[in-house]
Amino acid sequence: MRKAARQFHKVSPDVWRSRRFLALTAEERLLWFYFSTGPHQTSAGCCKLPAAYAVADLGWLMDQYLENLAALVGGDLVVHDPETDEIYVCRWFKTSPPTNGKHAAGIYNHICKLESPAVQDRVEREFAETEYGGAYITAPSIANSSSPF
């Protein structure tokens, strides 16, 4: 039986006020939305995404994809490790923070599976800045508790 996919992700309307986002071209914006809401994304805002998958999903040429990806990396909108094909959507937890201890545990499970030290560091740092993320890192037992701390 196929595991249920993530059903949704919050994308704040504030994205349309973001200087980083507004500085992007239409193709770069499409790629950011693909990374943020696409089928490969996880609840941790990171995923393993070989370039060929993205090219096929978007119907783009490889050069087109790599050029747009470089712009998102340069604008600090995503972190990408070409060695591991892992991508993290920067500031993911501003709109999708963990909402309880079990949720934090599930997210942290995704973070621990990352192969890229650079991607993992950024994701973990931003996760730790959230209420439940920081609490989970300090005391993983909150995942088994009904109280927030």
C-alpha atoms as a PDB file:
ATOM      1  CA  MET A   1       0.000   0.000   0.000  1.00  0.00           C
ATOM      2  CA  ARG A   2       1.299   3.443  -0.941  1.00  0.00           C
ATOM      3  CA  LYS A   3       2.031   5.788   1.937  1.00  0.00           C
ATOM      4  CA  ALA A   4      -0.197   8.861   1.962  1.00  0.00           C
ATOM      5  CA  ALA A   5       1.524  11.891   0.502  1.00  0.00           C
ATOM      6  CA  ARG A   6       1.705  15.223   2.266  1.00  0.00           C
ATOM      7  CA  GLN A   7      -1.667  16.775   1.520  1.00  0.00           C
ATOM      8  CA  PHE A   8      -0.844  20.460   1.678  1.00  0.00           C
ATOM      9  CA  HIS A   9       1.703  23.085   2.632  1.00  0.00           C
ATOM     10  CA  LYS A  10       0.992  26.604   3.743  1.00  0.00           C
ATOM     11  CA  VAL A  11       2.366  29.281   1.463  1.00  0.00           C
ATOM     12  CA  SER A  12       1.878  32.690   3.003  1.00  0.00           C
ATOM     13  CA  PRO A  13       0.399  35.497   0.898  1.00  0.00           C
ATOM     14  CA  ASP A  14       3.345  37.517   2.251  1.00  0.00           C
ATOM     15  CA  VAL A  15       5.475  35.803  -0.390  1.00  0.00           C
ATOM     16  CA  TRP A  16       4.103  38.471  -2.766  1.00  0.00           C
ATOM     17  CA  ARG A  17       5.696  41.155  -0.566  1.00  0.00           C
ATOM     18  CA  SER A  18       9.067  39.443  -0.249  1.00  0.00           C
ATOM     19  CA  ARG A  19      11.872  41.383  -1.899  1.00  0.00           C
ATOM     20  CA  ARG A  20      13.728  38.115  -2.546  1.00  0.00           C
ATOM     21  CA  PHE A  21      10.716  36.603  -4.277  1.00  0.00           C
ATOM     22  CA  LEU A  22       9.754  39.734  -6.208  1.00  0.00           C
ATOM     23  CA  ALA A  23      13.299  39.972  -7.593  1.00  0.00           C
ATOM     24  CA  LEU A  24      12.813  36.621  -9.348  1.00  0.00           C
ATOM     25  CA  THR A  25      11.786  36.053 -12.947  1.00  0.00           C
ATOM     26  CA  ALA A  26       8.553  34.202 -13.718  1.00  0.00           C
ATOM     27  CA  GLU A  27      10.466  30.948 -14.311  1.00  0.00           C
ATOM     28  CA  GLU A  28      12.390  31.326 -11.049  1.00  0.00           C
ATOM     29  CA  ARG A  29       9.116  31.912  -9.187  1.00  0.00           C
ATOM     30  CA  LEU A  30       7.617  28.794 -10.784  1.00  0.00           C
ATOM     31  CA  LEU A  31      10.625  26.761  -9.670  1.00  0.00           C
ATOM     32  CA  TRP A  32      10.335  28.111  -6.119  1.00  0.00           C
ATOM     33  CA  PHE A  33       6.654  27.117  -6.021  1.00  0.00           C
ATOM     34  CA  TYR A  34       7.560  23.701  -7.439  1.00  0.00           C
ATOM     35  CA  PHE A  35      10.118  23.186  -4.665  1.00  0.00           C
ATOM     36  CA  SER A  36       7.679  24.480  -2.035  1.00  0.00           C
ATOM     37  CA  THR A  37       4.568  22.575  -3.042  1.00  0.00           C
ATOM     38  CA  GLY A  38       5.716  19.812  -5.375  1.00  0.00           C
ATOM     39  CA  PRO A  39       5.313  16.067  -5.025  1.00  0.00           C
ATOM     40  CA  HIS A  40       8.832  15.476  -3.703  1.00  0.00           C
ATOM     41  CA  GLN A  41       8.584  17.878  -0.762  1.00  0.00           C
ATOM     42  CA  THR A  42       8.444  16.725   2.865  1.00  0.00           C
ATOM     43  CA  SER A  43       7.143  18.263   6.073  1.00  0.00           C
ATOM     44  CA  ALA A  44      10.724  19.386   6.783  1.00  0.00           C
ATOM     45  CA  GLY A  45      10.890  21.593   3.685  1.00  0.00           C
ATOM     46  CA  CYS A  46      13.645  19.449   2.226  1.00  0.00           C
ATOM     47  CA  CYS A  47      13.791  16.646  -0.267  1.00  0.00           C
ATOM     48  CA  LYS A  48      16.089  14.611  -2.448  1.00  0.00           C
ATOM     49  CA  LEU A  49      15.353  15.751  -5.974  1.00  0.00           C
ATOM     50  CA  PRO A  50      17.538  14.649  -8.863  1.00  0.00           C
ATOM     51  CA  ALA A  51      17.631  17.320 -11.548  1.00  0.00           C
ATOM     52  CA  ALA A  52      16.199  14.916 -14.129  1.00  0.00           C
ATOM     53  CA  TYR A  53      13.021  14.526 -12.038  1.00  0.00           C
ATOM     54  CA  ALA A  54      12.510  18.286 -11.859  1.00  0.00           C
ATOM     55  CA  VAL A  55      13.231  18.688 -15.572  1.00  0.00           C
ATOM     56  CA  ALA A  56      10.664  16.007 -16.398  1.00  0.00           C
ATOM     57  CA  ASP A  57       8.051  17.431 -14.013  1.00  0.00           C
ATOM     58  CA  LEU A  58       8.471  20.984 -15.318  1.00  0.00           C
ATOM     59  CA  GLY A  59       8.956  20.122 -18.996  1.00  0.00           C
ATOM     60  CA  TRP A  60      12.155  22.172 -19.052  1.00  0.00           C
ATOM     61  CA  LEU A  61      15.597  21.672 -20.531  1.00  0.00           C
ATOM     62  CA  MET A  62      18.402  20.821 -18.106  1.00  0.00           C
ATOM     63  CA  ASP A  63      20.220  24.131 -18.693  1.00  0.00           C
ATOM     64  CA  GLN A  64      16.996  26.022 -18.028  1.00  0.00           C
ATOM     65  CA  TYR A  65      16.501  24.190 -14.733  1.00  0.00           C
ATOM     66  CA  LEU A  66      20.094  24.660 -13.572  1.00  0.00           C
ATOM     67  CA  GLU A  67      20.062  28.376 -14.419  1.00  0.00           C
ATOM     68  CA  ASN A  68      16.845  28.950 -12.461  1.00  0.00           C
ATOM     69  CA  LEU A  69      18.068  26.813  -9.558  1.00  0.00           C
ATOM     70  CA  ALA A  70      21.272  28.867  -9.388  1.00  0.00           C
ATOM     71  CA  ALA A  71      19.187  32.048  -9.122  1.00  0.00           C
ATOM     72  CA  LEU A  72      17.177  30.615  -6.200  1.00  0.00           C
ATOM     73  CA  VAL A  73      20.353  29.530  -4.423  1.00  0.00           C
ATOM     74  CA  GLY A  74      21.945  32.924  -5.066  1.00  0.00           C
ATOM     75  CA  GLY A  75      18.883  34.686  -3.675  1.00  0.00           C
ATOM     76  CA  ASP A  76      18.914  32.544  -0.506  1.00  0.00           C
ATOM     77  CA  LEU A  77      15.536  31.072  -1.356  1.00  0.00           C
ATOM     78  CA  VAL A  78      16.764  27.481  -1.421  1.00  0.00           C
ATOM     79  CA  VAL A  79      19.813  25.561  -0.265  1.00  0.00           C
ATOM     80  CA  HIS A  80      20.995  22.940  -2.734  1.00  0.00           C
ATOM     81  CA  ASP A  81      23.711  20.324  -2.598  1.00  0.00           C
ATOM     82  CA  PRO A  82      24.503  19.031  -6.092  1.00  0.00           C
ATOM     83  CA  GLU A  83      26.431  16.093  -4.612  1.00  0.00           C
ATOM     84  CA  THR A  84      23.360  14.674  -2.859  1.00  0.00           C
ATOM     85  CA  ASP A  85      20.580  16.275  -4.962  1.00  0.00           C
ATOM     86  CA  GLU A  86      19.018  17.610  -1.758  1.00  0.00           C
ATOM     87  CA  ILE A  87      17.105  20.872  -1.622  1.00  0.00           C
ATOM     88  CA  TYR A  88      15.745  22.898   1.288  1.00  0.00           C
ATOM     89  CA  VAL A  89      13.267  25.753   0.922  1.00  0.00           C
ATOM     90  CA  CYS A  90      14.710  28.477   3.140  1.00  0.00           C
ATOM     91  CA  ARG A  91      12.526  29.813   5.947  1.00  0.00           C
ATOM     92  CA  TRP A  92      10.162  26.827   5.535  1.00  0.00           C
ATOM     93  CA  PHE A  93       9.267  26.765   9.214  1.00  0.00           C
ATOM     94  CA  LYS A  94       7.977  30.360   9.200  1.00  0.00           C
ATOM     95  CA  THR A  95       4.799  29.037   7.548  1.00  0.00           C
ATOM     96  CA  SER A  96       4.956  25.338   8.461  1.00  0.00           C
ATOM     97  CA  PRO A  97       6.411  24.936  11.945  1.00  0.00           C
ATOM     98  CA  PRO A  98       5.853  21.781  13.937  1.00  0.00           C
ATOM     99  CA  THR A  99       2.570  22.047  15.825  1.00  0.00           C
ATOM    100  CA  ASN A 100       3.217  19.496  18.564  1.00  0.00           C
ATOM    101  CA  GLY A 101       5.830  17.057  19.836  1.00  0.00           C
ATOM    102  CA  LYS A 102       4.841  14.191  17.519  1.00  0.00           C
ATOM    103  CA  HIS A 103       4.885  16.501  14.528  1.00  0.00           C
ATOM    104  CA  ALA A 104       8.345  17.745  15.555  1.00  0.00           C
ATOM    105  CA  ALA A 105       9.553  14.135  15.832  1.00  0.00           C
ATOM    106  CA  GLY A 106       8.305  13.361  12.322  1.00  0.00           C
ATOM    107  CA  ILE A 107       9.978  16.436  10.885  1.00  0.00           C
ATOM    108  CA  TYR A 108      13.219  15.692  12.711  1.00  0.00           C
ATOM    109  CA  ASN A 109      13.176  12.191  11.250  1.00  0.00           C
ATOM    110  CA  HIS A 110      13.328  13.761   7.758  1.00  0.00           C
ATOM    111  CA  ILE A 111      16.156  16.066   8.857  1.00  0.00           C
ATOM    112  CA  CYS A 112      18.219  13.173  10.208  1.00  0.00           C
ATOM    113  CA  LYS A 113      17.972  11.331   6.881  1.00  0.00           C
ATOM    114  CA  LEU A 114      19.668  14.150   4.958  1.00  0.00           C
ATOM    115  CA  GLU A 115      23.055  13.253   3.518  1.00  0.00           C
ATOM    116  CA  SER A 116      24.277  16.800   2.919  1.00  0.00           C
ATOM    117  CA  PRO A 117      25.907  18.459   5.948  1.00  0.00           C
ATOM    118  CA  ALA A 118      25.237  21.919   4.474  1.00  0.00           C
ATOM    119  CA  VAL A 119      21.543  21.275   3.843  1.00  0.00           C
ATOM    120  CA  GLN A 120      21.087  19.452   7.143  1.00  0.00           C
ATOM    121  CA  ASP A 121      22.742  22.284   9.078  1.00  0.00           C
ATOM    122  CA  ARG A 122      20.435  24.927   7.617  1.00  0.00           C
ATOM    123  CA  VAL A 123      17.281  22.854   8.093  1.00  0.00           C
ATOM    124  CA  GLU A 124      18.185  21.891  11.653  1.00  0.00           C
ATOM    125  CA  ARG A 125      19.087  25.469  12.572  1.00  0.00           C
ATOM    126  CA  GLU A 126      15.751  26.822  11.331  1.00  0.00           C
ATOM    127  CA  PHE A 127      13.849  23.902  12.885  1.00  0.00           C
ATOM    128  CA  ALA A 128      15.502  24.598  16.255  1.00  0.00           C
ATOM    129  CA  GLU A 129      14.224  28.195  16.105  1.00  0.00           C
ATOM    130  CA  THR A 130      10.616  26.977  16.267  1.00  0.00           C
ATOM    131  CA  GLU A 131       8.826  26.393  19.566  1.00  0.00           C
ATOM    132  CA  TYR A 132       8.385  22.637  19.213  1.00  0.00           C
ATOM    133  CA  GLY A 133      11.525  22.102  17.156  1.00  0.00           C
ATOM    134  CA  GLY A 134      13.734  23.621  19.829  1.00  0.00           C
ATOM    135  CA  ALA A 135      11.889  21.722  22.538  1.00  0.00           C
ATOM    136  CA  TYR A 136      12.192  18.437  20.640  1.00  0.00           C
ATOM    137  CA  ILE A 137      15.933  18.823  20.092  1.00  0.00           C
ATOM    138  CA  THR A 138      16.374  19.548  23.817  1.00  0.00           C
ATOM    139  CA  ALA A 139      13.975  16.855  25.055  1.00  0.00           C
ATOM    140  CA  PRO A 140      12.821  14.320  22.417  1.00  0.00           C
ATOM    141  CA  SER A 141      10.458  12.825  24.982  1.00  0.00           C
ATOM    142  CA  ILE A 142       7.964  15.630  24.173  1.00  0.00           C
ATOM    143  CA  ALA A 143       6.926  13.450  21.215  1.00  0.00           C
ATOM    144  CA  ASN A 144       5.354  11.050  23.709  1.00  0.00           C
ATOM    145  CA  SER A 145       3.717  13.704  25.840  1.00  0.00           C
ATOM    146  CA  SER A 146       0.273  15.242  25.564  1.00  0.00           C
ATOM    147  CA  SER A 147       1.518  18.526  27.039  1.00  0.00           C
ATOM    148  CA  PRO A 148       3.536  20.999  24.975  1.00  0.00           C
ATOM    149  CA  PHE A 149       6.576  20.741  27.311  1.00  0.00           C
END
